[in-house]
C-alpha atoms as a PDB file:
ATOM      1  CA  UNK A   1      99.906 123.063 139.013  1.00  0.00           C
ATOM      2  CA  UNK A   2      98.043 120.195 140.655  1.00  0.00           C
ATOM      3  CA  UNK A   3      95.384 118.277 138.724  1.00  0.00           C
ATOM      4  CA  UNK A   4      91.814 119.568 138.737  1.00  0.00           C
ATOM      5  CA  UNK A   5      89.639 116.529 139.424  1.00  0.00           C
ATOM      6  CA  UNK A   6      85.905 117.128 139.515  1.00  0.00           C
ATOM      7  CA  UNK A   7      84.402 115.938 142.808  1.00  0.00           C
ATOM      8  CA  UNK A   8      81.996 113.676 140.902  1.00  0.00           C
ATOM      9  CA  UNK A   9      84.785 111.926 138.980  1.00  0.00           C
ATOM     10  CA  UNK A  10      85.817 108.462 140.175  1.00  0.00           C
ATOM     11  CA  UNK A  11      89.584 108.041 140.302  1.00  0.00           C
ATOM     12  CA  UNK A  12      91.076 104.847 141.696  1.00  0.00           C
ATOM     13  CA  UNK A  13      93.666 105.468 144.437  1.00  0.00           C
ATOM     14  CA  UNK A  14      96.179 103.417 142.425  1.00  0.00           C
ATOM     15  CA  UNK A  15      95.873 105.675 139.370  1.00  0.00           C
ATOM     16  CA  UNK A  16      98.643 108.217 138.740  1.00  0.00           C
ATOM     17  CA  UNK A  17      97.514 111.610 137.496  1.00  0.00           C
ATOM     18  CA  UNK A  18     100.056 114.123 136.204  1.00  0.00           C
ATOM     19  CA  UNK A  19     100.301 117.841 136.909  1.00  0.00           C
ATOM     20  CA  UNK A  20      97.840 120.318 135.407  1.00  0.00           C
ATOM     21  CA  UNK A  21      95.393 117.613 134.281  1.00  0.00           C
ATOM     22  CA  UNK A  22      91.659 118.309 134.138  1.00  0.00           C
ATOM     23  CA  UNK A  23      89.258 115.429 134.794  1.00  0.00           C
ATOM     24  CA  UNK A  24      85.582 116.107 134.211  1.00  0.00           C
ATOM     25  CA  UNK A  25      82.478 114.980 136.101  1.00  0.00           C
ATOM     26  CA  UNK A  26      81.561 111.289 136.096  1.00  0.00           C
ATOM     27  CA  UNK A  27      84.822 110.313 134.403  1.00  0.00           C
ATOM     28  CA  UNK A  28      86.103 106.957 135.647  1.00  0.00           C
ATOM     29  CA  UNK A  29      89.867 106.379 135.941  1.00  0.00           C
ATOM     30  CA  UNK A  30      90.769 102.833 136.935  1.00  0.00           C
ATOM     31  CA  UNK A  31      93.675 101.281 138.767  1.00  0.00           C
ATOM     32  CA  UNK A  32      97.000 100.979 136.932  1.00  0.00           C
ATOM     33  CA  UNK A  33      96.222 104.005 134.791  1.00  0.00           C
ATOM     34  CA  UNK A  34      99.009 106.553 134.376  1.00  0.00           C
ATOM     35  CA  UNK A  35      98.096 109.918 132.844  1.00  0.00           C
ATOM     36  CA  UNK A  36     100.853 112.360 131.960  1.00  0.00           C
ATOM     37  CA  UNK A  37     100.910 116.097 132.574  1.00  0.00           C
ATOM     38  CA  UNK A  38      98.503 118.568 130.942  1.00  0.00           C
ATOM     39  CA  UNK A  39      95.886 116.025 129.838  1.00  0.00           C
ATOM     40  CA  UNK A  40      92.140 116.704 129.648  1.00  0.00           C
ATOM     41  CA  UNK A  41      89.674 113.907 130.341  1.00  0.00           C
ATOM     42  CA  UNK A  42      86.072 114.724 129.475  1.00  0.00           C
ATOM     43  CA  UNK A  43      82.879 113.972 131.367  1.00  0.00           C
ATOM     44  CA  UNK A  44      81.820 110.314 131.440  1.00  0.00           C
ATOM     45  CA  UNK A  45      85.031 109.152 129.780  1.00  0.00           C
ATOM     46  CA  UNK A  46      86.324 105.803 131.040  1.00  0.00           C
ATOM     47  CA  UNK A  47      90.000 104.822 131.169  1.00  0.00           C
ATOM     48  CA  UNK A  48      90.846 101.335 132.404  1.00  0.00           C
ATOM     49  CA  UNK A  49      94.277  99.887 133.069  1.00  0.00           C
ATOM     50  CA  UNK A  50      96.929  98.903 132.700  1.00  0.00           C
ATOM     51  CA  UNK A  51      97.123 102.000 130.491  1.00  0.00           C
ATOM     52  CA  UNK A  52      99.737 104.701 130.160  1.00  0.00           C
ATOM     53  CA  UNK A  53      99.130 108.080 128.509  1.00  0.00           C
ATOM     54  CA  UNK A  54     101.751 110.701 127.723  1.00  0.00           C
ATOM     55  CA  UNK A  55     101.325 114.447 128.033  1.00  0.00           C
ATOM     56  CA  UNK A  56      98.879 116.928 126.477  1.00  0.00           C
ATOM     57  CA  UNK A  57      96.298 114.358 125.434  1.00  0.00           C
ATOM     58  CA  UNK A  58      92.647 115.410 125.135  1.00  0.00           C
ATOM     59  CA  UNK A  59      90.102 112.632 125.619  1.00  0.00           C
ATOM     60  CA  UNK A  60      86.587 113.856 125.006  1.00  0.00           C
ATOM     61  CA  UNK A  61      83.403 112.877 126.776  1.00  0.00           C
ATOM     62  CA  UNK A  62      82.099 109.305 126.592  1.00  0.00           C
ATOM     63  CA  UNK A  63      85.303 107.836 125.149  1.00  0.00           C
ATOM     64  CA  UNK A  64      86.203 104.328 126.324  1.00  0.00           C
ATOM     65  CA  UNK A  65      89.960 103.820 126.568  1.00  0.00           C
ATOM     66  CA  UNK A  66      92.020 100.845 127.738  1.00  0.00           C
ATOM     67  CA  UNK A  67      89.155  98.392 128.056  1.00  0.00           C
ATOM     68  CA  UNK A  68      89.574  94.631 127.745  1.00  0.00           C
ATOM     69  CA  UNK A  69      90.033  93.285 124.204  1.00  0.00           C
ATOM     70  CA  UNK A  70      87.013  91.987 122.311  1.00  0.00           C
ATOM     71  CA  UNK A  71      88.734  88.669 121.684  1.00  0.00           C
ATOM     72  CA  UNK A  72      87.139  85.330 122.516  1.00  0.00           C
ATOM     73  CA  UNK A  73      90.518  83.958 123.583  1.00  0.00           C
ATOM     74  CA  UNK A  74      91.073  86.657 126.179  1.00  0.00           C
ATOM     75  CA  UNK A  75      90.685  85.353 129.729  1.00  0.00           C
ATOM     76  CA  UNK A  76      91.687  88.349 131.818  1.00  0.00           C
ATOM     77  CA  UNK A  77      95.445  88.368 131.346  1.00  0.00           C
ATOM     78  CA  UNK A  78      97.224  91.617 132.347  1.00  0.00           C
ATOM     79  CA  UNK A  79      97.693  93.308 128.973  1.00  0.00           C
ATOM     80  CA  UNK A  80      98.240  97.006 128.343  1.00  0.00           C
ATOM     81  CA  UNK A  81      97.607 100.144 126.306  1.00  0.00           C
ATOM     82  CA  UNK A  82     100.257 102.763 125.592  1.00  0.00           C
ATOM     83  CA  UNK A  83      99.354 106.185 124.184  1.00  0.00           C
ATOM     84  CA  UNK A  84     101.905 108.889 123.403  1.00  0.00           C
ATOM     85  CA  UNK A  85     101.454 112.649 123.636  1.00  0.00           C
ATOM     86  CA  UNK A  86      99.389 115.379 121.963  1.00  0.00           C
ATOM     87  CA  UNK A  87      96.632 113.045 120.827  1.00  0.00           C
ATOM     88  CA  UNK A  88      92.983 114.018 120.399  1.00  0.00           C
ATOM     89  CA  UNK A  89      90.466 111.241 121.068  1.00  0.00           C
ATOM     90  CA  UNK A  90      86.931 112.338 120.340  1.00  0.00           C
ATOM     91  CA  UNK A  91      83.492 111.271 121.581  1.00  0.00           C
ATOM     92  CA  UNK A  92      82.606 107.562 121.758  1.00  0.00           C
ATOM     93  CA  UNK A  93      86.005 106.366 120.544  1.00  0.00           C
ATOM     94  CA  UNK A  94      86.819 102.860 121.820  1.00  0.00           C
ATOM     95  CA  UNK A  95      90.389 101.644 122.284  1.00  0.00           C
ATOM     96  CA  UNK A  96      91.126  98.132 123.600  1.00  0.00           C
ATOM     97  CA  UNK A  97      94.189  96.788 125.366  1.00  0.00           C
ATOM     98  CA  UNK A  98      96.300  94.060 123.758  1.00  0.00           C
ATOM     99  CA  UNK A  99      96.172  90.281 124.002  1.00  0.00           C
ATOM    100  CA  UNK A 100      98.889  87.880 125.082  1.00  0.00           C
ATOM    101  CA  UNK A 101      98.984  86.183 121.682  1.00  0.00           C
ATOM    102  CA  UNK A 102      99.360  89.569 119.977  1.00  0.00           C
ATOM    103  CA  UNK A 103     102.242  90.804 122.112  1.00  0.00           C
ATOM    104  CA  UNK A 104     100.156  92.184 124.948  1.00  0.00           C
ATOM    105  CA  UNK A 105     100.143  95.883 124.029  1.00  0.00           C
ATOM    106  CA  UNK A 106      98.063  98.221 121.906  1.00  0.00           C
ATOM    107  CA  UNK A 107     100.171 101.256 120.944  1.00  0.00           C
ATOM    108  CA  UNK A 108      99.244 104.732 119.716  1.00  0.00           C
ATOM    109  CA  UNK A 109     101.948 107.300 118.983  1.00  0.00           C
ATOM    110  CA  UNK A 110     101.904 111.103 119.032  1.00  0.00           C
ATOM    111  CA  UNK A 111      99.848 113.920 117.463  1.00  0.00           C
ATOM    112  CA  UNK A 112      97.051 111.667 116.242  1.00  0.00           C
ATOM    113  CA  UNK A 113      93.388 112.585 115.716  1.00  0.00           C
ATOM    114  CA  UNK A 114      90.755 109.905 116.275  1.00  0.00           C
ATOM    115  CA  UNK A 115      87.372 111.387 115.414  1.00  0.00           C
ATOM    116  CA  UNK A 116      84.064 110.352 116.952  1.00  0.00           C
ATOM    117  CA  UNK A 117      83.106 106.659 117.026  1.00  0.00           C
ATOM    118  CA  UNK A 118      86.467 105.324 115.839  1.00  0.00           C
ATOM    119  CA  UNK A 119      87.516 101.889 117.090  1.00  0.00           C
ATOM    120  CA  UNK A 120      91.064 100.648 117.710  1.00  0.00           C
ATOM    121  CA  UNK A 121      91.053  96.942 118.517  1.00  0.00           C
ATOM    122  CA  UNK A 122      93.554  94.842 120.458  1.00  0.00           C
ATOM    123  CA  UNK A 123      97.240  94.784 119.528  1.00  0.00           C
ATOM    124  CA  UNK A 124      96.974  97.571 116.961  1.00  0.00           C
ATOM    125  CA  UNK A 125      99.923  99.874 116.386  1.00  0.00           C
ATOM    126  CA  UNK A 126      99.285 103.453 115.217  1.00  0.00           C
ATOM    127  CA  UNK A 127     102.218 105.717 114.395  1.00  0.00           C
ATOM    128  CA  UNK A 128     102.387 109.512 114.551  1.00  0.00           C
ATOM    129  CA  UNK A 129     100.191 112.195 112.942  1.00  0.00           C
ATOM    130  CA  UNK A 130      97.553 109.712 111.824  1.00  0.00           C
ATOM    131  CA  UNK A 131      93.984 110.889 111.188  1.00  0.00           C
ATOM    132  CA  UNK A 132      91.073 108.479 111.584  1.00  0.00           C
ATOM    133  CA  UNK A 133      87.842 110.148 110.468  1.00  0.00           C
ATOM    134  CA  UNK A 134      84.476 109.388 112.049  1.00  0.00           C
ATOM    135  CA  UNK A 135      83.736 105.698 112.652  1.00  0.00           C
ATOM    136  CA  UNK A 136      86.931 104.435 111.031  1.00  0.00           C
ATOM    137  CA  UNK A 137      87.614 100.965 112.428  1.00  0.00           C
ATOM    138  CA  UNK A 138      90.747  98.896 112.952  1.00  0.00           C
ATOM    139  CA  UNK A 139      90.393  95.172 113.598  1.00  0.00           C
ATOM    140  CA  UNK A 140      92.935  93.424 115.803  1.00  0.00           C
ATOM    141  CA  UNK A 141      96.675  93.461 115.067  1.00  0.00           C
ATOM    142  CA  UNK A 142      96.450  96.257 112.472  1.00  0.00           C
ATOM    143  CA  UNK A 143      99.403  98.565 111.832  1.00  0.00           C
ATOM    144  CA  UNK A 144      98.848 102.149 110.660  1.00  0.00           C
ATOM    145  CA  UNK A 145     102.033 104.029 109.843  1.00  0.00           C
ATOM    146  CA  UNK A 146     102.889 107.723 110.186  1.00  0.00           C
ATOM    147  CA  UNK A 147     100.805 110.377 108.385  1.00  0.00           C
ATOM    148  CA  UNK A 148      98.182 107.926 107.124  1.00  0.00           C
ATOM    149  CA  UNK A 149      94.587 109.137 106.778  1.00  0.00           C
ATOM    150  CA  UNK A 150      91.583 106.814 107.123  1.00  0.00           C
ATOM    151  CA  UNK A 151      88.319 108.183 105.770  1.00  0.00           C
ATOM    152  CA  UNK A 152      85.048 107.984 107.645  1.00  0.00           C
ATOM    153  CA  UNK A 153      83.422 104.539 107.938  1.00  0.00           C
ATOM    154  CA  UNK A 154      86.537 102.827 106.574  1.00  0.00           C
ATOM    155  CA  UNK A 155      87.605  99.480 108.015  1.00  0.00           C
ATOM    156  CA  UNK A 156      90.920  97.606 108.010  1.00  0.00           C
ATOM    157  CA  UNK A 157      91.044  93.800 108.277  1.00  0.00           C
ATOM    158  CA  UNK A 158      92.942  92.162 111.130  1.00  0.00           C
ATOM    159  CA  UNK A 159      96.701  91.862 110.586  1.00  0.00           C
ATOM    160  CA  UNK A 160      96.581  94.262 107.612  1.00  0.00           C
ATOM    161  CA  UNK A 161      98.872  97.279 107.350  1.00  0.00           C
ATOM    162  CA  UNK A 162      98.310 100.830 106.148  1.00  0.00           C
ATOM    163  CA  UNK A 163     101.561 102.347 104.941  1.00  0.00           C
ATOM    164  CA  UNK A 164     102.959 105.777 105.703  1.00  0.00           C
ATOM    165  CA  UNK A 165     101.293 108.717 103.930  1.00  0.00           C
ATOM    166  CA  UNK A 166      98.555 106.470 102.512  1.00  0.00           C
ATOM    167  CA  UNK A 167      94.973 107.721 102.359  1.00  0.00           C
ATOM    168  CA  UNK A 168      91.799 105.631 102.424  1.00  0.00           C
ATOM    169  CA  UNK A 169      88.611 107.101 101.022  1.00  0.00           C
ATOM    170  CA  UNK A 170      85.409 107.120 103.039  1.00  0.00           C
ATOM    171  CA  UNK A 171      83.764 103.730 103.340  1.00  0.00           C
ATOM    172  CA  UNK A 172      86.851 101.836 102.176  1.00  0.00           C
ATOM    173  CA  UNK A 173      87.048  98.159 103.156  1.00  0.00           C
ATOM    174  CA  UNK A 174      90.727  97.141 103.259  1.00  0.00           C
ATOM    175  CA  UNK A 175      91.314  93.370 103.570  1.00  0.00           C
ATOM    176  CA  UNK A 176      94.924  93.626 102.293  1.00  0.00           C
ATOM    177  CA  UNK A 177      97.923  95.852 102.988  1.00  0.00           C
ATOM    178  CA  UNK A 178      97.712  99.400 101.614  1.00  0.00           C
ATOM    179  CA  UNK A 179     101.194 100.390 100.370  1.00  0.00           C
ATOM    180  CA  UNK A 180     102.737 103.645 101.571  1.00  0.00           C
ATOM    181  CA  UNK A 181     102.077 106.871  99.633  1.00  0.00           C
ATOM    182  CA  UNK A 182      99.014 105.437  97.882  1.00  0.00           C
ATOM    183  CA  UNK A 183      95.369 106.446  97.622  1.00  0.00           C
ATOM    184  CA  UNK A 184      92.882 103.597  98.060  1.00  0.00           C
ATOM    185  CA  UNK A 185      89.111 103.360  97.991  1.00  0.00           C
ATOM    186  CA  UNK A 186      86.289 100.923  97.467  1.00  0.00           C
ATOM    187  CA  UNK A 187      84.915  97.626  98.721  1.00  0.00           C
ATOM    188  CA  UNK A 188      87.163  95.792  98.431  1.00  0.00           C
ATOM    189  CA  UNK A 189      89.840  98.480  98.305  1.00  0.00           C
ATOM    190  CA  UNK A 190      91.810  99.176  95.141  1.00  0.00           C
ATOM    191  CA  UNK A 191      94.595 101.668  94.501  1.00  0.00           C
ATOM    192  CA  UNK A 192      93.865 104.966  92.779  1.00  0.00           C
ATOM    193  CA  UNK A 193      97.317 106.440  92.340  1.00  0.00           C
ATOM    194  CA  UNK A 194      99.738 108.376  94.515  1.00  0.00           C
ATOM    195  CA  UNK A 195      98.794 110.726  97.364  1.00  0.00           C
ATOM    196  CA  UNK A 196     100.681 113.521  95.606  1.00  0.00           C
ATOM    197  CA  UNK A 197      99.050 116.415  97.417  1.00  0.00           C
ATOM    198  CA  UNK A 198      99.613 114.857 100.836  1.00  0.00           C
ATOM    199  CA  UNK A 199     103.271 114.153 100.073  1.00  0.00           C
ATOM    200  CA  UNK A 200     103.853 117.698  98.846  1.00  0.00           C
ATOM    201  CA  UNK A 201     102.204 119.164 101.937  1.00  0.00           C
ATOM    202  CA  UNK A 202     104.589 117.177 104.123  1.00  0.00           C
ATOM    203  CA  UNK A 203     107.673 118.476 102.379  1.00  0.00           C
ATOM    204  CA  UNK A 204     108.504 115.540 100.121  1.00  0.00           C
ATOM    205  CA  UNK A 205     110.497 116.906  97.183  1.00  0.00           C
ATOM    206  CA  UNK A 206     109.149 116.960  93.636  1.00  0.00           C
ATOM    207  CA  UNK A 207     112.017 114.718  92.498  1.00  0.00           C
ATOM    208  CA  UNK A 208     111.151 112.102  95.122  1.00  0.00           C
ATOM    209  CA  UNK A 209     107.458 112.222  94.219  1.00  0.00           C
ATOM    210  CA  UNK A 210     108.381 111.638  90.559  1.00  0.00           C
ATOM    211  CA  UNK A 211     110.410 108.578  91.582  1.00  0.00           C
ATOM    212  CA  UNK A 212     107.456 107.239  93.579  1.00  0.00           C
ATOM    213  CA  UNK A 213     105.209 107.768  90.544  1.00  0.00           C
ATOM    214  CA  UNK A 214     107.607 105.890  88.266  1.00  0.00           C
ATOM    215  CA  UNK A 215     107.843 103.064  90.784  1.00  0.00           C
ATOM    216  CA  UNK A 216     104.039 102.919  90.982  1.00  0.00           C
ATOM    217  CA  UNK A 217     103.723 102.593  87.206  1.00  0.00           C
ATOM    218  CA  UNK A 218     106.292  99.804  87.093  1.00  0.00           C
ATOM    219  CA  UNK A 219     104.838  97.942  90.067  1.00  0.00           C
ATOM    220  CA  UNK A 220     101.159  98.199  89.299  1.00  0.00           C
ATOM    221  CA  UNK A 221     100.646  99.352  85.700  1.00  0.00           C
ATOM    222  CA  UNK A 222     103.319  97.540  83.689  1.00  0.00           C
ATOM    223  CA  UNK A 223     101.648  94.131  83.592  1.00  0.00           C
ATOM    224  CA  UNK A 224     104.719  92.490  85.091  1.00  0.00           C
ATOM    225  CA  UNK A 225     104.683  90.049  87.969  1.00  0.00           C
ATOM    226  CA  UNK A 226     105.156  92.077  91.152  1.00  0.00           C
ATOM    227  CA  UNK A 227     108.488  90.399  91.929  1.00  0.00           C
ATOM    228  CA  UNK A 228     109.805  91.174  88.429  1.00  0.00           C
ATOM    229  CA  UNK A 229     108.522  94.730  88.625  1.00  0.00           C
ATOM    230  CA  UNK A 230     110.363  95.269  91.904  1.00  0.00           C
ATOM    231  CA  UNK A 231     113.602  94.179  90.209  1.00  0.00           C
ATOM    232  CA  UNK A 232     112.862  96.583  87.361  1.00  0.00           C
ATOM    233  CA  UNK A 233     112.431  99.460  89.814  1.00  0.00           C
ATOM    234  CA  UNK A 234     115.951  98.835  91.091  1.00  0.00           C
ATOM    235  CA  UNK A 235     117.381  98.473  87.590  1.00  0.00           C
ATOM    236  CA  UNK A 236     115.870 101.825  86.581  1.00  0.00           C
ATOM    237  CA  UNK A 237     117.889 103.551  89.298  1.00  0.00           C
ATOM    238  CA  UNK A 238     114.949 104.684  91.423  1.00  0.00           C
ATOM    239  CA  UNK A 239     117.023 105.017  94.564  1.00  0.00           C
ATOM    240  CA  UNK A 240     115.100 107.490  96.741  1.00  0.00           C
ATOM    241  CA  UNK A 241     114.758 106.208 100.328  1.00  0.00           C
ATOM    242  CA  UNK A 242     110.991 106.453  99.981  1.00  0.00           C
ATOM    243  CA  UNK A 243     111.071 104.056  97.012  1.00  0.00           C
ATOM    244  CA  UNK A 244     113.294 101.652  98.941  1.00  0.00           C
ATOM    245  CA  UNK A 245     110.790 101.782 101.790  1.00  0.00           C
ATOM    246  CA  UNK A 246     107.911 101.068  99.403  1.00  0.00           C
ATOM    247  CA  UNK A 247     109.699  97.988  98.073  1.00  0.00           C
ATOM    248  CA  UNK A 248     110.525  96.806 101.590  1.00  0.00           C
ATOM    249  CA  UNK A 249     106.877  97.222 102.619  1.00  0.00           C
ATOM    250  CA  UNK A 250     105.783  95.030  99.709  1.00  0.00           C
ATOM    251  CA  UNK A 251     108.412  92.369 100.430  1.00  0.00           C
ATOM    252  CA  UNK A 252     107.238  92.052 104.035  1.00  0.00           C
ATOM    253  CA  UNK A 253     103.543  91.627 103.347  1.00  0.00           C
ATOM    254  CA  UNK A 254     101.642  88.770 104.970  1.00  0.00           C
ATOM    255  CA  UNK A 255      98.100  89.645 103.982  1.00  0.00           C
ATOM    256  CA  UNK A 256      98.962  90.553 100.398  1.00  0.00           C
ATOM    257  CA  UNK A 257      99.121  93.912  98.625  1.00  0.00           C
ATOM    258  CA  UNK A 258      96.196  96.004  97.460  1.00  0.00           C
ATOM    259  CA  UNK A 259      96.435  96.766  93.721  1.00  0.00           C
ATOM    260  CA  UNK A 260      94.687  99.010  91.201  1.00  0.00           C
END
């Protein structure tokens, strides 16, 4: 089925619109924008390029997607935005393209929900099945891994990471990396234990969750230096892949690790 483009929408001739798309009135689709099949673009939404969207995305009215980065060093270089499939981008969300110094691309994966007024800055990387509640904000170069949840009005500092399955409470200010599987809240953020309910809902076994809990106690509640605690985790035989991933996440920190 051919795309349904409202006669009052503005679509650049160089834009590529997939089959069975619906583009509402007063939407503006710029040059070098590629929209996959079965997408819905709401009234007054703006998509600038270079941007590429996969299939089955729903961008609600007044969203601003693929605009130039809010970076003082940006001077008009041709950077890009890549968005996967089955994403929901609600009203007044803003998503910026990348910068040359940050790799040139902002990336968003699949099956994500960005609620109203969220902001994704330049060079961010969002995985799959991430939820950003209303007005959650990512500064530049932030990485948010699969299944993470960011509460409303939370903010993540530039270059910080939010690990897989982590959850940030509403209003959390996160200047440092949030390890995977953890719950964090506060200004500045501190850890408040393991996201047990979220892990169970996603099919993580009870045995694996127990290993993550034991690793958490050794890493953050034993009083040991973090490096020594990581060695202790290995010596205790906590060998679940999820624990190995947690340790690897900590080893590769640049901003530092959020703690209880």
